[in-house]
PDB file of all heavy atoms in Angstrom:
ATOM      1  N   ARG A   1      30.705   4.000 -41.901  1.00  0.00           N
ATOM      2  CA  ARG A   1      29.922   2.767 -41.924  1.00  0.00           C
ATOM      3  C   ARG A   1      30.502   1.809 -42.943  1.00  0.00           C
ATOM      4  O   ARG A   1      31.174   2.209 -43.869  1.00  0.00           O
ATOM      5  CB  ARG A   1      28.480   3.051 -42.336  1.00  0.00           C
ATOM      6  CG  ARG A   1      27.736   3.914 -41.385  1.00  0.00           C
ATOM      7  CD  ARG A   1      26.387   4.274 -41.997  1.00  0.00           C
ATOM      8  NE  ARG A   1      25.745   5.299 -41.204  1.00  0.00           N
ATOM      9  CZ  ARG A   1      24.561   5.166 -40.646  1.00  0.00           C
ATOM     10  NH1 ARG A   1      23.873   4.066 -40.821  1.00  0.00           N
ATOM     11  NH2 ARG A   1      24.052   6.125 -39.928  1.00  0.00           N
ATOM     12  N   GLY A   2      30.206   0.550 -42.751  1.00  0.00           N
ATOM     13  CA  GLY A   2      30.654  -0.440 -43.715  1.00  0.00           C
ATOM     14  C   GLY A   2      30.107  -1.807 -43.395  1.00  0.00           C
ATOM     15  O   GLY A   2      29.309  -1.976 -42.478  1.00  0.00           O
ATOM     16  N   ASP A   3      30.538  -2.775 -44.174  1.00  0.00           N
ATOM     17  CA  ASP A   3      30.171  -4.170 -43.980  1.00  0.00           C
ATOM     18  C   ASP A   3      31.416  -4.968 -43.650  1.00  0.00           C
ATOM     19  O   ASP A   3      32.509  -4.648 -44.121  1.00  0.00           O
ATOM     20  CB  ASP A   3      29.572  -4.766 -45.262  1.00  0.00           C
ATOM     21  CG  ASP A   3      28.206  -4.202 -45.587  1.00  0.00           C
ATOM     22  OD1 ASP A   3      27.464  -3.845 -44.658  1.00  0.00           O
ATOM     23  OD2 ASP A   3      27.874  -4.123 -46.778  1.00  0.00           O
ATOM     24  N   SER A   4      31.233  -5.999 -42.870  1.00  0.00           N
ATOM     25  CA  SER A   4      32.320  -6.919 -42.562  1.00  0.00           C
ATOM     26  C   SER A   4      31.715  -8.294 -42.302  1.00  0.00           C
ATOM     27  O   SER A   4      30.500  -8.438 -42.231  1.00  0.00           O
ATOM     28  CB  SER A   4      33.108  -6.440 -41.333  1.00  0.00           C
ATOM     29  OG  SER A   4      34.304  -7.177 -41.204  1.00  0.00           O
ATOM     30  N   ALA A   5      32.580  -9.279 -42.176  1.00  0.00           N
ATOM     31  CA  ALA A   5      32.126 -10.642 -41.902  1.00  0.00           C
ATOM     32  C   ALA A   5      31.755 -10.799 -40.435  1.00  0.00           C
ATOM     33  O   ALA A   5      32.402 -10.210 -39.561  1.00  0.00           O
ATOM     34  CB  ALA A   5      33.220 -11.638 -42.278  1.00  0.00           C
ATOM     35  N   LEU A   6      30.743 -11.610 -40.153  1.00  0.00           N
ATOM     36  CA  LEU A   6      30.374 -11.914 -38.761  1.00  0.00           C
ATOM     37  C   LEU A   6      31.531 -12.608 -38.046  1.00  0.00           C
ATOM     38  O   LEU A   6      31.828 -12.321 -36.896  1.00  0.00           O
ATOM     39  CB  LEU A   6      29.168 -12.850 -38.716  1.00  0.00           C
ATOM     40  CG  LEU A   6      27.801 -12.264 -38.950  1.00  0.00           C
ATOM     41  CD1 LEU A   6      26.773 -13.378 -39.068  1.00  0.00           C
ATOM     42  CD2 LEU A   6      27.433 -11.312 -37.837  1.00  0.00           C
ATOM     43  N   ALA A   7      32.135 -13.549 -38.717  1.00  0.00           N
ATOM     44  CA  ALA A   7      33.278 -14.291 -38.177  1.00  0.00           C
ATOM     45  C   ALA A   7      34.272 -14.436 -39.323  1.00  0.00           C
ATOM     46  O   ALA A   7      33.872 -14.627 -40.475  1.00  0.00           O
ATOM     47  CB  ALA A   7      32.850 -15.664 -37.674  1.00  0.00           C
ATOM     48  N   SER A   8      35.570 -14.329 -39.024  1.00  0.00           N
ATOM     49  CA  SER A   8      36.562 -14.448 -40.091  1.00  0.00           C
ATOM     50  C   SER A   8      37.927 -14.790 -39.512  1.00  0.00           C
ATOM     51  O   SER A   8      38.185 -14.622 -38.322  1.00  0.00           O
ATOM     52  CB  SER A   8      36.648 -13.152 -40.902  1.00  0.00           C
ATOM     53  OG  SER A   8      36.981 -12.053 -40.087  1.00  0.00           O
ATOM     54  N   PHE A   9      38.788 -15.271 -40.421  1.00  0.00           N
ATOM     55  CA  PHE A   9      40.164 -15.582 -40.048  1.00  0.00           C
ATOM     56  C   PHE A   9      41.037 -15.541 -41.286  1.00  0.00           C
ATOM     57  O   PHE A   9      40.535 -15.543 -42.423  1.00  0.00           O
ATOM     58  CB  PHE A   9      40.255 -16.952 -39.373  1.00  0.00           C
ATOM     59  CG  PHE A   9      40.130 -18.120 -40.310  1.00  0.00           C
ATOM     60  CD1 PHE A   9      41.269 -18.755 -40.807  1.00  0.00           C
ATOM     61  CD2 PHE A   9      38.896 -18.593 -40.700  1.00  0.00           C
ATOM     62  CE1 PHE A   9      41.150 -19.830 -41.676  1.00  0.00           C
ATOM     63  CE2 PHE A   9      38.773 -19.663 -41.559  1.00  0.00           C
ATOM     64  CZ  PHE A   9      39.911 -20.291 -42.057  1.00  0.00           C
ATOM     65  N   SER A  10      42.334 -15.493 -41.053  1.00  0.00           N
ATOM     66  CA  SER A  10      43.306 -15.539 -42.134  1.00  0.00           C
ATOM     67  C   SER A  10      44.400 -16.539 -41.764  1.00  0.00           C
ATOM     68  O   SER A  10      45.016 -16.408 -40.705  1.00  0.00           O
ATOM     69  CB  SER A  10      43.921 -14.154 -42.361  1.00  0.00           C
ATOM     70  OG  SER A  10      44.838 -14.201 -43.435  1.00  0.00           O
ATOM     71  N   PRO A  11      44.631 -17.531 -42.612  1.00  0.00           N
ATOM     72  CA  PRO A  11      45.699 -18.508 -42.340  1.00  0.00           C
ATOM     73  C   PRO A  11      47.046 -17.962 -42.803  1.00  0.00           C
ATOM     74  O   PRO A  11      47.510 -18.251 -43.901  1.00  0.00           O
ATOM     75  CB  PRO A  11      45.255 -19.731 -43.159  1.00  0.00           C
ATOM     76  CG  PRO A  11      44.455 -19.162 -44.281  1.00  0.00           C
ATOM     77  CD  PRO A  11      43.827 -17.891 -43.767  1.00  0.00           C
ATOM     78  N   ARG A  12      47.644 -17.135 -41.979  1.00  0.00           N
ATOM     79  CA  ARG A  12      48.924 -16.516 -42.329  1.00  0.00           C
ATOM     80  C   ARG A  12      50.067 -17.504 -42.158  1.00  0.00           C
ATOM     81  O   ARG A  12      49.911 -18.540 -41.532  1.00  0.00           O
ATOM     82  CB  ARG A  12      49.154 -15.291 -41.446  1.00  0.00           C
ATOM     83  CG  ARG A  12      48.100 -14.231 -41.642  1.00  0.00           C
ATOM     84  CD  ARG A  12      48.362 -13.074 -40.738  1.00  0.00           C
ATOM     85  NE  ARG A  12      47.333 -12.052 -40.869  1.00  0.00           N
ATOM     86  CZ  ARG A  12      47.228 -11.018 -40.065  1.00  0.00           C
ATOM     87  NH1 ARG A  12      48.083 -10.863 -39.070  1.00  0.00           N
ATOM     88  NH2 ARG A  12      46.273 -10.141 -40.255  1.00  0.00           N
ATOM     89  N   LYS A  13      51.212 -17.155 -42.697  1.00  0.00           N
ATOM     90  CA  LYS A  13      52.371 -18.042 -42.644  1.00  0.00           C
ATOM     91  C   LYS A  13      52.816 -18.330 -41.202  1.00  0.00           C
ATOM     92  O   LYS A  13      53.096 -19.463 -40.844  1.00  0.00           O
ATOM     93  CB  LYS A  13      53.527 -17.424 -43.432  1.00  0.00           C
ATOM     94  CG  LYS A  13      54.672 -18.373 -43.652  1.00  0.00           C
ATOM     95  CD  LYS A  13      55.689 -17.774 -44.612  1.00  0.00           C
ATOM     96  CE  LYS A  13      56.672 -18.808 -45.020  1.00  0.00           C
ATOM     97  NZ  LYS A  13      56.500 -19.284 -46.377  1.00  0.00           N
ATOM     98  N   ALA A  14      52.852 -17.310 -40.363  1.00  0.00           N
ATOM     99  CA  ALA A  14      53.350 -17.466 -38.989  1.00  0.00           C
ATOM    100  C   ALA A  14      52.293 -17.945 -38.003  1.00  0.00           C
ATOM    101  O   ALA A  14      52.634 -18.507 -36.961  1.00  0.00           O
ATOM    102  CB  ALA A  14      53.937 -16.145 -38.493  1.00  0.00           C
ATOM    103  N   HIS A  15      51.018 -17.696 -38.297  1.00  0.00           N
ATOM    104  CA  HIS A  15      49.953 -18.038 -37.357  1.00  0.00           C
ATOM    105  C   HIS A  15      48.596 -17.926 -38.037  1.00  0.00           C
ATOM    106  O   HIS A  15      48.492 -17.405 -39.142  1.00  0.00           O
ATOM    107  CB  HIS A  15      49.994 -17.103 -36.138  1.00  0.00           C
ATOM    108  CG  HIS A  15      50.015 -15.661 -36.533  1.00  0.00           C
ATOM    109  ND1 HIS A  15      51.134 -14.890 -36.439  1.00  0.00           N
ATOM    110  CD2 HIS A  15      49.073 -14.872 -37.062  1.00  0.00           C
ATOM    111  CE1 HIS A  15      50.865 -13.674 -36.890  1.00  0.00           C
ATOM    112  NE2 HIS A  15      49.637 -13.636 -37.278  1.00  0.00           N
ATOM    113  N   LEU A  16      47.586 -18.381 -37.341  1.00  0.00           N
ATOM    114  CA  LEU A  16      46.204 -18.161 -37.754  1.00  0.00           C
ATOM    115  C   LEU A  16      45.741 -16.876 -37.080  1.00  0.00           C
ATOM    116  O   LEU A  16      45.882 -16.737 -35.858  1.00  0.00           O
ATOM    117  CB  LEU A  16      45.307 -19.308 -37.296  1.00  0.00           C
ATOM    118  CG  LEU A  16      45.608 -20.679 -37.874  1.00  0.00           C
ATOM    119  CD1 LEU A  16      44.980 -21.766 -37.002  1.00  0.00           C
ATOM    120  CD2 LEU A  16      45.112 -20.780 -39.303  1.00  0.00           C
ATOM    121  N   ALA A  17      45.232 -15.946 -37.836  1.00  0.00           N
ATOM    122  CA  ALA A  17      44.686 -14.716 -37.273  1.00  0.00           C
ATOM    123  C   ALA A  17      43.167 -14.849 -37.270  1.00  0.00           C
ATOM    124  O   ALA A  17      42.546 -14.956 -38.332  1.00  0.00           O
ATOM    125  CB  ALA A  17      45.116 -13.510 -38.092  1.00  0.00           C
ATOM    126  N   VAL A  18      42.576 -14.893 -36.082  1.00  0.00           N
ATOM    127  CA  VAL A  18      41.129 -14.999 -35.929  1.00  0.00           C
ATOM    128  C   VAL A  18      40.636 -13.615 -35.525  1.00  0.00           C
ATOM    129  O   VAL A  18      41.099 -13.051 -34.526  1.00  0.00           O
ATOM    130  CB  VAL A  18      40.751 -16.047 -34.856  1.00  0.00           C
ATOM    131  CG1 VAL A  18      39.244 -16.138 -34.695  1.00  0.00           C
ATOM    132  CG2 VAL A  18      41.354 -17.410 -35.203  1.00  0.00           C
ATOM    133  N   TYR A  19      39.719 -13.066 -36.315  1.00  0.00           N
ATOM    134  CA  TYR A  19      39.240 -11.704 -36.071  1.00  0.00           C
ATOM    135  C   TYR A  19      38.034 -11.748 -35.149  1.00  0.00           C
ATOM    136  O   TYR A  19      37.016 -12.361 -35.463  1.00  0.00           O
ATOM    137  CB  TYR A  19      38.922 -11.017 -37.397  1.00  0.00           C
ATOM    138  CG  TYR A  19      40.143 -10.990 -38.289  1.00  0.00           C
ATOM    139  CD1 TYR A  19      40.274 -11.869 -39.356  1.00  0.00           C
ATOM    140  CD2 TYR A  19      41.198 -10.138 -38.006  1.00  0.00           C
ATOM    141  CE1 TYR A  19      41.414 -11.874 -40.145  1.00  0.00           C
ATOM    142  CE2 TYR A  19      42.339 -10.140 -38.781  1.00  0.00           C
ATOM    143  CZ  TYR A  19      42.444 -11.009 -39.855  1.00  0.00           C
ATOM    144  OH  TYR A  19      43.581 -11.017 -40.618  1.00  0.00           O
ATOM    145  N   LEU A  20      38.181 -11.097 -33.998  1.00  0.00           N
ATOM    146  CA  LEU A  20      37.140 -11.094 -32.973  1.00  0.00           C
ATOM    147  C   LEU A  20      36.666  -9.669 -32.719  1.00  0.00           C
ATOM    148  O   LEU A  20      37.255  -8.703 -33.198  1.00  0.00           O
ATOM    149  CB  LEU A  20      37.672 -11.702 -31.674  1.00  0.00           C
ATOM    150  CG  LEU A  20      38.154 -13.147 -31.754  1.00  0.00           C
ATOM    151  CD1 LEU A  20      38.800 -13.566 -30.444  1.00  0.00           C
ATOM    152  CD2 LEU A  20      37.006 -14.084 -32.123  1.00  0.00           C
ATOM    153  N   VAL A  21      35.646  -9.560 -31.921  1.00  0.00           N
ATOM    154  CA  VAL A  21      35.110  -8.261 -31.545  1.00  0.00           C
ATOM    155  C   VAL A  21      36.146  -7.503 -30.705  1.00  0.00           C
ATOM    156  O   VAL A  21      36.931  -8.104 -29.964  1.00  0.00           O
ATOM    157  CB  VAL A  21      33.772  -8.449 -30.785  1.00  0.00           C
ATOM    158  CG1 VAL A  21      33.980  -9.056 -29.429  1.00  0.00           C
ATOM    159  CG2 VAL A  21      32.992  -7.169 -30.705  1.00  0.00           C
ATOM    160  N   GLY A  22      36.188  -6.203 -30.851  1.00  0.00           N
ATOM    161  CA  GLY A  22      37.141  -5.380 -30.111  1.00  0.00           C
ATOM    162  C   GLY A  22      37.031  -5.544 -28.610  1.00  0.00           C
ATOM    163  O   GLY A  22      35.971  -5.864 -28.083  1.00  0.00           O
ATOM    164  N   ASP A  23      38.144  -5.377 -27.920  1.00  0.00           N
ATOM    165  CA  ASP A  23      38.230  -5.431 -26.459  1.00  0.00           C
ATOM    166  C   ASP A  23      37.957  -6.829 -25.902  1.00  0.00           C
ATOM    167  O   ASP A  23      37.613  -6.991 -24.741  1.00  0.00           O
ATOM    168  CB  ASP A  23      37.283  -4.408 -25.832  1.00  0.00           C
ATOM    169  CG  ASP A  23      37.691  -4.005 -24.428  1.00  0.00           C
ATOM    170  OD1 ASP A  23      38.883  -4.176 -24.079  1.00  0.00           O
ATOM    171  OD2 ASP A  23      36.831  -3.528 -23.672  1.00  0.00           O
ATOM    172  N   PHE A  24      38.116  -7.858 -26.741  1.00  0.00           N
ATOM    173  CA  PHE A  24      37.849  -9.224 -26.277  1.00  0.00           C
ATOM    174  C   PHE A  24      38.805  -9.639 -25.170  1.00  0.00           C
ATOM    175  O   PHE A  24      38.445 -10.430 -24.314  1.00  0.00           O
ATOM    176  CB  PHE A  24      37.885 -10.223 -27.439  1.00  0.00           C
ATOM    177  CG  PHE A  24      39.253 -10.503 -28.001  1.00  0.00           C
ATOM    178  CD1 PHE A  24      40.024 -11.540 -27.514  1.00  0.00           C
ATOM    179  CD2 PHE A  24      39.763  -9.717 -29.025  1.00  0.00           C
ATOM    180  CE1 PHE A  24      41.275 -11.804 -28.035  1.00  0.00           C
ATOM    181  CE2 PHE A  24      41.005  -9.967 -29.552  1.00  0.00           C
ATOM    182  CZ  PHE A  24      41.772 -11.008 -29.051  1.00  0.00           C
ATOM    183  N   GLU A  25      40.025  -9.095 -25.162  1.00  0.00           N
ATOM    184  CA  GLU A  25      40.988  -9.487 -24.122  1.00  0.00           C
ATOM    185  C   GLU A  25      40.498  -9.109 -22.732  1.00  0.00           C
ATOM    186  O   GLU A  25      40.685  -9.857 -21.784  1.00  0.00           O
ATOM    187  CB  GLU A  25      42.338  -8.819 -24.372  1.00  0.00           C
ATOM    188  CG  GLU A  25      43.089  -9.397 -25.541  1.00  0.00           C
ATOM    189  CD  GLU A  25      44.417  -8.715 -25.718  1.00  0.00           C
ATOM    190  OE1 GLU A  25      44.433  -7.612 -26.294  1.00  0.00           O
ATOM    191  OE2 GLU A  25      45.424  -9.288 -25.248  1.00  0.00           O
ATOM    192  N   THR A  26      39.865  -7.968 -22.615  1.00  0.00           N
ATOM    193  CA  THR A  26      39.352  -7.496 -21.331  1.00  0.00           C
ATOM    194  C   THR A  26      38.035  -8.169 -20.975  1.00  0.00           C
ATOM    195  O   THR A  26      37.862  -8.680 -19.880  1.00  0.00           O
ATOM    196  CB  THR A  26      39.142  -5.970 -21.370  1.00  0.00           C
ATOM    197  OG1 THR A  26      40.375  -5.355 -21.727  1.00  0.00           O
ATOM    198  CG2 THR A  26      38.659  -5.441 -20.038  1.00  0.00           C
ATOM    199  N   LYS A  27      37.133  -8.202 -21.931  1.00  0.00           N
ATOM    200  CA  LYS A  27      35.784  -8.693 -21.655  1.00  0.00           C
ATOM    201  C   LYS A  27      35.696 -10.207 -21.553  1.00  0.00           C
ATOM    202  O   LYS A  27      34.740 -10.726 -21.005  1.00  0.00           O
ATOM    203  CB  LYS A  27      34.822  -8.166 -22.701  1.00  0.00           C
ATOM    204  CG  LYS A  27      34.723  -6.655 -22.629  1.00  0.00           C
ATOM    205  CD  LYS A  27      33.663  -6.122 -23.522  1.00  0.00           C
ATOM    206  CE  LYS A  27      33.707  -4.615 -23.475  1.00  0.00           C
ATOM    207  NZ  LYS A  27      32.570  -3.990 -22.942  1.00  0.00           N
ATOM    208  N   HIS A  28      36.671 -10.914 -22.098  1.00  0.00           N
ATOM    209  CA  HIS A  28      36.616 -12.376 -22.093  1.00  0.00           C
ATOM    210  C   HIS A  28      37.910 -12.986 -21.559  1.00  0.00           C
ATOM    211  O   HIS A  28      38.355 -14.033 -22.026  1.00  0.00           O
ATOM    212  CB  HIS A  28      36.310 -12.890 -23.505  1.00  0.00           C
ATOM    213  CG  HIS A  28      35.091 -12.247 -24.088  1.00  0.00           C
ATOM    214  ND1 HIS A  28      33.852 -12.375 -23.518  1.00  0.00           N
ATOM    215  CD2 HIS A  28      34.937 -11.445 -25.151  1.00  0.00           C
ATOM    216  CE1 HIS A  28      32.981 -11.677 -24.219  1.00  0.00           C
ATOM    217  NE2 HIS A  28      33.616 -11.108 -25.214  1.00  0.00           N
ATOM    218  N   ALA A  29      38.467 -12.348 -20.555  1.00  0.00           N
ATOM    219  CA  ALA A  29      39.741 -12.805 -19.980  1.00  0.00           C
ATOM    220  C   ALA A  29      39.660 -14.233 -19.450  1.00  0.00           C
ATOM    221  O   ALA A  29      40.602 -15.014 -19.623  1.00  0.00           O
ATOM    222  CB  ALA A  29      40.189 -11.845 -18.880  1.00  0.00           C
ATOM    223  N   SER A  30      38.553 -14.612 -18.840  1.00  0.00           N
ATOM    224  CA  SER A  30      38.451 -15.965 -18.285  1.00  0.00           C
ATOM    225  C   SER A  30      38.421 -17.011 -19.402  1.00  0.00           C
ATOM    226  O   SER A  30      38.991 -18.092 -19.259  1.00  0.00           O
ATOM    227  CB  SER A  30      37.227 -16.101 -17.379  1.00  0.00           C
ATOM    228  OG  SER A  30      36.041 -15.896 -18.117  1.00  0.00           O
ATOM    229  N   THR A  31      37.788 -16.695 -20.517  1.00  0.00           N
ATOM    230  CA  THR A  31      37.772 -17.617 -21.659  1.00  0.00           C
ATOM    231  C   THR A  31      39.174 -17.708 -22.263  1.00  0.00           C
ATOM    232  O   THR A  31      39.639 -18.795 -22.602  1.00  0.00           O
ATOM    233  CB  THR A  31      36.755 -17.159 -22.717  1.00  0.00           C
ATOM    234  OG1 THR A  31      35.480 -17.010 -22.092  1.00  0.00           O
ATOM    235  CG2 THR A  31      36.655 -18.157 -23.849  1.00  0.00           C
ATOM    236  N   LEU A  32      39.849 -16.583 -22.384  1.00  0.00           N
ATOM    237  CA  LEU A  32      41.215 -16.582 -22.916  1.00  0.00           C
ATOM    238  C   LEU A  32      42.163 -17.378 -22.028  1.00  0.00           C
ATOM    239  O   LEU A  32      43.081 -18.036 -22.525  1.00  0.00           O
ATOM    240  CB  LEU A  32      41.728 -15.157 -23.079  1.00  0.00           C
ATOM    241  CG  LEU A  32      41.178 -14.406 -24.282  1.00  0.00           C
ATOM    242  CD1 LEU A  32      41.594 -12.942 -24.225  1.00  0.00           C
ATOM    243  CD2 LEU A  32      41.620 -15.039 -25.576  1.00  0.00           C
ATOM    244  N   ALA A  33      41.944 -17.343 -20.728  1.00  0.00           N
ATOM    245  CA  ALA A  33      42.788 -18.106 -19.806  1.00  0.00           C
ATOM    246  C   ALA A  33      42.650 -19.605 -20.056  1.00  0.00           C
ATOM    247  O   ALA A  33      43.612 -20.361 -19.889  1.00  0.00           O
ATOM    248  CB  ALA A  33      42.421 -17.769 -18.358  1.00  0.00           C
TER     249      ALA A  33
END
């Protein structure tokens, strides 16, 4: 168990990393498109 942020991101040098809920690629494919 643990705590984490509801929404978060990291402005990395190469890109912005936006942390989303697991399996978002499958469950939200139409939004990603």
